[in-house]
Amino acid sequence: MLALPDKGANPESIDAADGRQRMANRDDLHREVLAANEAFYLAFSAGDYTAMEGLWAESVPASCIHPGWPPVRGRDKVMQTWRGILANPPRPAIRALEAEATVTGDSAFVVCFEAIGEIYLAATNFYVREGALWRIVHHQSGQTERAPKTQSEQTPKTVH
């Protein structure tokens, strides 16, 4: 929180300090959303259904479009798909690359690549804030013709 300026303070310096505070808050929000996105991919890779279930929003309708699947609507149905995917080994070793977050109030989205071995998908994950947590409300991924620029680490060659 900014301290109140004294009567002789320069209004331009007050505006600059306020702008720096807003920028710091925005950066914090982006980091929080990217951390939620990373948690999503860690739960996916680990096959951790309990963690995955805890990441999905409960206060708004959820949806998901897995590659090649029709849209799945409703939290219960979305979680059924994840239960099936995560319960059937081999689970894909998957990670997000080039993730970029956009935050607008209490909602956000992340656009990234998903690396599954040498296969790359483009993905969008939508989030809403529920209390202090960013929770996923929609996941969609599909094929892309372009590989990400950052392919520094190779992932195991497992595909679901």
Protein backbone atom coordinates (compact mmCIF):
# COMPACT_ATOMS: atom_id res chain seq x y z
CA MET A 1 0.00 0.00 0.00
CA LEU A 2 1.30 3.45 -0.85
CA ALA A 3 1.82 6.00 1.87
CA LEU A 4 -0.11 9.23 1.60
CA PRO A 5 2.04 11.97 0.07
CA ASP A 6 2.99 15.00 2.07
CA LYS A 7 1.54 18.35 1.01
CA GLY A 8 4.70 19.37 -0.83
CA ALA A 9 5.07 16.12 -2.80
CA ASN A 10 5.50 16.26 -6.55
CA PRO A 11 2.36 14.86 -8.26
CA GLU A 12 4.49 13.30 -11.01
CA SER A 13 6.46 11.24 -8.49
CA ILE A 14 3.19 10.09 -6.90
CA ASP A 15 1.90 8.94 -10.30
CA ALA A 16 5.18 7.12 -11.01
CA ALA A 17 5.07 5.31 -7.66
CA ASP A 18 1.44 4.32 -8.25
CA GLY A 19 2.34 3.00 -11.71
CA ARG A 20 5.23 0.94 -10.28
CA GLN A 21 2.89 -0.55 -7.65
CA ARG A 22 0.30 -1.50 -10.31
CA MET A 23 3.05 -3.08 -12.44
CA ALA A 24 4.35 -5.09 -9.46
CA ASN A 25 0.80 -6.29 -8.70
CA ARG A 26 0.29 -7.25 -12.34
CA ASP A 27 3.56 -9.19 -12.36
CA ASP A 28 2.51 -11.01 -9.16
CA LEU A 29 -0.81 -11.99 -10.76
CA HIS A 30 0.93 -13.30 -13.87
CA ARG A 31 3.30 -15.37 -11.70
CA GLU A 32 0.34 -16.79 -9.74
CA VAL A 33 -1.48 -17.82 -12.94
CA LEU A 34 1.68 -19.34 -14.44
CA ALA A 35 2.22 -21.27 -11.17
CA ALA A 36 -1.34 -22.64 -11.42
CA ASN A 37 -0.64 -23.60 -15.03
CA GLU A 38 2.56 -25.38 -14.02
CA ALA A 39 0.65 -27.24 -11.28
CA PHE A 40 -1.83 -28.41 -13.94
CA TYR A 41 0.95 -29.91 -16.07
CA LEU A 42 2.70 -31.44 -13.05
CA ALA A 43 -0.54 -33.18 -12.00
CA PHE A 44 -1.04 -34.33 -15.60
CA SER A 45 2.48 -35.75 -15.91
CA ALA A 46 2.35 -37.43 -12.50
CA GLY A 47 -1.07 -38.96 -13.15
CA ASP A 48 -2.24 -37.35 -9.91
CA TYR A 49 -6.03 -37.29 -10.17
CA THR A 50 -6.47 -35.83 -6.68
CA ALA A 51 -4.21 -32.90 -7.53
CA MET A 52 -5.88 -32.48 -10.92
CA GLU A 53 -9.34 -32.41 -9.36
CA GLY A 54 -8.22 -29.76 -6.87
CA LEU A 55 -7.04 -27.49 -9.69
CA TRP A 56 -10.41 -27.26 -11.45
CA ALA A 57 -12.92 -24.51 -10.67
CA GLU A 58 -16.03 -25.34 -8.70
CA SER A 59 -17.91 -22.02 -8.81
CA VAL A 60 -18.31 -21.79 -12.60
CA PRO A 61 -19.08 -24.36 -15.31
CA ALA A 62 -15.99 -26.18 -16.59
CA SER A 63 -15.23 -27.50 -20.06
CA CYS A 64 -12.43 -29.27 -21.87
CA ILE A 65 -11.47 -30.18 -25.41
CA HIS A 66 -8.86 -32.92 -25.46
CA PRO A 67 -7.04 -33.37 -28.81
CA GLY A 68 -9.37 -35.14 -31.22
CA TRP A 69 -12.25 -35.27 -28.73
CA PRO A 70 -15.60 -33.51 -28.88
CA PRO A 71 -16.17 -30.75 -26.30
CA VAL A 72 -16.80 -31.98 -22.77
CA ARG A 73 -19.04 -29.72 -20.69
CA GLY A 74 -19.64 -29.70 -16.95
CA ARG A 75 -17.19 -30.26 -14.13
CA ASP A 76 -18.29 -33.84 -13.40
CA LYS A 77 -17.91 -34.91 -17.03
CA VAL A 78 -14.59 -33.07 -17.37
CA MET A 79 -13.26 -34.82 -14.27
CA GLN A 80 -14.44 -38.19 -15.61
CA THR A 81 -12.28 -37.65 -18.69
CA TRP A 82 -9.27 -36.77 -16.54
CA ARG A 83 -9.84 -39.80 -14.31
CA GLY A 84 -9.75 -42.02 -17.41
CA ILE A 85 -6.70 -40.34 -18.95
CA LEU A 86 -4.69 -40.32 -15.72
CA ALA A 87 -5.63 -43.89 -14.74
CA ASN A 88 -4.47 -45.48 -17.99
CA PRO A 89 -0.72 -45.87 -18.21
CA PRO A 90 1.35 -45.01 -19.95
CA ARG A 91 0.51 -41.44 -19.06
CA PRO A 92 2.08 -38.83 -21.24
CA ALA A 93 5.15 -37.06 -19.95
CA ILE A 94 3.94 -33.58 -20.71
CA ARG A 95 5.16 -30.08 -20.01
CA ALA A 96 4.26 -26.56 -20.98
CA LEU A 97 6.63 -24.47 -23.09
CA GLU A 98 6.50 -20.76 -23.89
CA ALA A 99 3.62 -20.18 -21.48
CA GLU A 100 2.28 -16.63 -21.49
CA ALA A 101 -0.43 -15.44 -19.11
CA THR A 102 -3.01 -12.72 -19.63
CA VAL A 103 -4.92 -11.56 -16.56
CA THR A 104 -8.15 -9.57 -16.63
CA GLY A 105 -9.64 -9.01 -13.19
CA ASP A 106 -10.56 -12.38 -11.67
CA SER A 107 -10.07 -14.34 -14.88
CA ALA A 108 -6.98 -15.24 -16.86
CA PHE A 109 -5.76 -17.41 -19.66
CA VAL A 110 -2.48 -19.04 -20.56
CA VAL A 111 -1.44 -19.81 -24.12
CA CYS A 112 1.40 -22.30 -24.44
CA PHE A 113 2.78 -25.30 -26.25
CA GLU A 114 2.48 -28.77 -24.76
CA ALA A 115 5.54 -30.94 -25.29
CA ILE A 116 4.78 -34.67 -25.38
CA GLY A 117 7.98 -36.34 -26.49
CA GLU A 118 8.69 -34.91 -29.92
CA ILE A 119 5.05 -33.98 -30.45
CA TYR A 120 3.93 -30.43 -29.80
CA LEU A 121 0.39 -29.22 -29.27
CA ALA A 122 -0.88 -25.66 -28.91
CA ALA A 123 -2.94 -25.15 -25.77
CA THR A 124 -5.08 -22.58 -24.05
CA ASN A 125 -6.00 -22.85 -20.37
CA PHE A 126 -8.56 -20.50 -18.83
CA TYR A 127 -8.54 -19.70 -15.12
CA VAL A 128 -10.81 -17.96 -12.63
CA ARG A 129 -9.93 -16.78 -9.17
CA GLU A 130 -11.76 -18.70 -6.46
CA GLY A 131 -10.80 -17.12 -3.17
CA ALA A 132 -7.04 -16.79 -3.19
CA LEU A 133 -6.50 -19.53 -5.81
CA TRP A 134 -6.44 -19.51 -9.60
CA ARG A 135 -8.38 -22.55 -10.77
CA ILE A 136 -8.75 -23.89 -14.26
CA VAL A 137 -12.14 -23.62 -15.92
CA HIS A 138 -11.29 -24.67 -19.50
CA HIS A 139 -8.47 -26.58 -21.17
CA GLN A 140 -8.09 -27.03 -24.90
CA SER A 141 -5.19 -28.37 -26.91
CA GLY A 142 -4.66 -29.47 -30.47
CA GLN A 143 -2.10 -30.07 -33.14
CA THR A 144 0.13 -27.31 -34.40
CA GLU A 145 2.37 -27.11 -37.43
CA ARG A 146 5.02 -25.09 -35.59
CA ALA A 147 7.34 -26.35 -32.89
CA PRO A 148 8.07 -23.99 -30.00
CA LYS A 149 11.24 -21.94 -30.09
CA THR A 150 12.32 -23.24 -26.67
CA GLN A 151 13.02 -26.94 -27.08
CA SER A 152 16.02 -26.96 -24.75
CA GLU A 153 15.03 -30.16 -22.94
CA GLN A 154 13.71 -33.31 -24.56
CA THR A 155 10.77 -35.04 -22.94
CA PRO A 156 10.26 -38.81 -22.91
CA LYS A 157 8.57 -40.13 -26.04
CA THR A 158 5.27 -41.17 -24.50
CA VAL A 159 1.94 -40.16 -26.04
CA HIS A 160 -1.56 -40.93 -24.73
